[in-house]
Protein backbone atom coordinates (compact mmCIF):
# COMPACT_ATOMS: atom_id res chain seq x y z
CA MET A 1 -18.62 0.58 -24.79
CA SER A 2 -19.02 4.30 -24.39
CA SER A 3 -19.18 6.68 -27.33
CA ALA A 4 -16.11 8.56 -26.04
CA SER A 5 -12.93 8.06 -27.98
CA ILE A 6 -10.30 5.64 -26.74
CA PRO A 7 -7.55 7.30 -24.68
CA GLY A 8 -4.40 6.91 -26.71
CA PHE A 9 -2.14 9.62 -25.28
CA HIS A 10 -0.28 9.09 -22.01
CA ASN A 11 2.22 11.34 -20.28
CA PRO A 12 5.50 9.58 -21.21
CA GLU A 13 7.63 11.27 -18.53
CA ILE A 14 5.57 10.02 -15.59
CA PHE A 15 5.56 6.46 -16.92
CA GLU A 16 9.38 6.50 -16.93
CA VAL A 17 9.40 6.98 -13.15
CA LEU A 18 6.54 4.55 -12.43
CA PRO A 19 9.08 1.83 -11.48
CA ASN A 20 9.97 4.07 -8.51
CA ALA A 21 6.59 3.14 -7.02
CA CYS A 22 7.91 -0.41 -6.44
CA LEU A 23 4.52 -1.97 -7.14
CA SER A 24 3.96 -5.65 -6.55
CA PRO A 25 3.45 -7.72 -9.70
CA THR A 26 -0.24 -8.07 -8.85
CA ALA A 27 -0.66 -4.31 -8.37
CA ARG A 28 1.07 -3.73 -11.70
CA ASP A 29 -1.27 -6.24 -13.39
CA VAL A 30 -4.31 -4.53 -11.85
CA PHE A 31 -2.98 -1.13 -12.98
CA ASP A 32 -2.48 -2.47 -16.51
CA VAL A 33 -6.08 -3.68 -16.64
CA LEU A 34 -7.32 -0.35 -15.27
CA THR A 35 -5.38 1.67 -17.85
CA SER A 36 -6.66 -0.52 -20.66
CA ARG A 37 -10.31 -0.04 -19.57
CA GLN A 38 -10.23 3.66 -18.73
CA GLU A 39 -12.20 6.45 -20.33
CA PRO A 40 -10.30 9.60 -21.38
CA GLY A 41 -9.29 11.37 -18.18
CA GLY A 42 -8.78 8.21 -16.12
CA LEU A 43 -12.25 7.10 -15.00
CA VAL A 44 -12.63 3.30 -14.95
CA LYS A 45 -15.96 1.64 -14.33
CA VAL A 46 -15.06 -1.76 -12.94
CA ARG A 47 -15.75 -3.82 -9.85
CA GLN A 48 -13.08 -5.69 -7.90
CA GLN A 49 -14.84 -8.95 -8.67
CA GLU A 50 -14.49 -8.27 -12.42
CA LEU A 51 -10.77 -7.56 -11.97
CA ALA A 52 -10.35 -10.75 -9.94
CA GLU A 53 -12.06 -12.83 -12.62
CA ARG A 54 -10.07 -11.13 -15.41
CA LEU A 55 -6.75 -11.83 -13.67
CA GLY A 56 -7.67 -15.24 -12.23
CA LEU A 57 -7.14 -14.06 -8.65
CA THR A 58 -9.22 -13.91 -5.51
CA GLN A 59 -11.03 -10.71 -4.68
CA SER A 60 -8.96 -10.24 -1.51
CA VAL A 61 -5.71 -10.29 -3.52
CA VAL A 62 -7.12 -7.70 -5.92
CA SER A 63 -8.28 -5.61 -2.96
CA ARG A 64 -4.73 -5.57 -1.53
CA ALA A 65 -3.34 -4.56 -4.93
CA ILE A 66 -5.87 -1.73 -5.21
CA SER A 67 -4.94 -0.62 -1.69
CA GLN A 68 -1.28 -0.49 -2.74
CA LEU A 69 -2.19 1.59 -5.81
CA ARG A 70 -4.24 3.90 -3.59
CA ASP A 71 -1.41 4.19 -1.02
CA LYS A 72 1.03 5.22 -3.76
CA GLY A 73 -1.44 7.82 -5.07
CA ILE A 74 -1.81 6.08 -8.43
CA ILE A 75 -5.58 5.85 -8.01
CA SER A 76 -7.84 8.18 -6.07
CA GLU A 77 -8.73 7.72 -2.41
CA ARG A 78 -12.14 9.15 -3.21
CA GLN A 79 -14.08 6.79 -5.40
CA ARG A 80 -17.60 5.56 -5.80
CA ARG A 81 -18.55 1.93 -5.73
CA GLY A 82 -17.72 0.33 -9.06
CA GLU A 83 -15.56 3.26 -10.20
CA VAL A 84 -11.85 3.92 -9.97
CA LEU A 85 -10.14 7.19 -10.90
CA ILE A 86 -6.56 6.97 -12.14
CA HIS A 87 -4.27 9.87 -11.19
CA PRO A 88 -4.62 12.64 -13.83
CA LEU A 89 -0.88 12.50 -14.61
CA LEU A 90 -1.09 8.74 -15.28
CA ALA A 91 -4.45 8.76 -17.06
CA GLY A 92 -4.93 8.36 -20.79
CA TYR A 93 -6.26 11.18 -22.95
CA GLU A 94 -7.47 11.73 -26.48
CA SER A 95 -4.51 14.03 -27.24
CA LEU A 96 -1.84 16.20 -25.64
CA SER A 97 -4.14 19.22 -25.76
CA HIS A 98 -6.92 17.22 -24.05
CA MET A 99 -4.48 16.31 -21.24
CA VAL A 100 -3.31 19.91 -20.80
CA ASN A 101 -6.88 21.24 -20.78
CA HIS A 102 -7.97 18.59 -18.28
CA LEU A 103 -5.05 19.31 -15.94
CA LYS A 104 -5.69 23.07 -16.10
CA ALA A 105 -9.43 22.75 -15.49
CA PRO A 106 -10.42 24.17 -12.08
CA ASP A 107 -12.54 21.12 -11.24
CA THR A 108 -9.69 18.63 -11.84
CA PHE A 109 -8.32 17.40 -8.52
CA VAL A 110 -4.62 16.47 -8.77
CA TRP A 111 -3.54 14.66 -5.61
CA PRO A 112 0.10 13.95 -4.71
CA LEU A 113 1.90 10.82 -5.87
CA ASN A 114 3.45 8.95 -2.94
CA PHE A 115 6.61 7.75 -4.64
CA PRO A 116 9.74 9.54 -5.90
CA THR A 117 9.15 11.14 -9.29
CA GLY A 118 12.58 12.72 -9.73
CA ASP A 119 15.43 10.49 -10.77
CA ILE A 120 14.83 6.96 -11.95
CA ARG A 121 15.92 4.51 -9.27
CA PRO A 122 18.66 2.02 -10.12
CA PRO A 123 17.70 -1.65 -10.36
CA ARG A 124 17.21 -3.45 -7.07
CA ALA A 125 19.95 -5.74 -5.80
CA ARG A 126 17.81 -8.78 -6.52
CA ASP A 127 17.49 -7.80 -10.20
CA ALA A 128 18.46 -10.87 -12.23
CA ARG A 129 20.35 -8.67 -14.71
CA ILE A 130 22.91 -7.56 -12.08
CA GLY A 131 26.26 -9.21 -12.66
CA THR A 132 25.46 -10.15 -16.26
CA ASP A 133 26.48 -8.63 -19.56
CA PHE A 134 23.05 -7.00 -19.92
CA ASP A 135 23.37 -3.32 -20.81
CA PRO A 136 20.06 -1.46 -21.05
CA ASP A 137 21.75 1.45 -22.84
CA PRO A 138 24.54 -0.06 -24.96
CA ASP A 139 25.34 3.11 -26.90
CA GLY A 140 25.79 5.25 -23.78
CA GLY A 141 22.79 7.43 -24.50
CA GLU A 142 23.99 8.55 -27.92
CA ASP A 143 21.72 8.55 -30.93
CA ALA A 144 21.78 5.43 -33.04
CA PRO A 145 23.71 5.92 -36.30
CA LEU A 146 21.61 6.44 -39.40
CA PRO A 147 21.71 3.68 -42.00
CA ASP A 148 23.96 4.30 -45.02
CA ALA A 149 21.12 3.82 -47.48
CA PRO A 150 17.40 3.53 -46.92
CA PRO A 151 16.20 -0.05 -47.18
CA ALA A 152 14.61 -1.06 -50.45
CA LEU A 153 10.87 -1.46 -50.12
CA ARG A 154 9.12 -4.30 -51.91
CA LEU A 155 5.42 -4.64 -52.42
CA ALA A 156 3.85 -7.90 -51.48
CA GLY A 157 1.72 -9.73 -53.96
């Protein structure tokens, strides 16, 4: 492990529109592994063979998933062997100020994302929740009511 701190801050707004990228389940799994292994700023030192072993897939399947991530702009086109760079807006950082400073740095290359980042797309027609009573926002976007009294806390032991 490196001596750098673990990236714990992610840009929450961009992750809300990540479903717009319409990633395959394998590409999403690869992206999840990449985000969990990244250094602050989005650099991941990993080989495709390691990803394939970690996910129990063949290297060709992982290669196609990485190509899909690259086509969507989620990872960099420019990478060295054994390294992957996650898009700076999707990368993890030590803090909000670290993210802002990294994005403002003149040597930070921010390439375009190749999927809609505006409105969140509605569920696809083949979504299993369509036609059911599932409501992802049951209160219509209103704040949840506060409890009448705070719950009593008990100490264990």
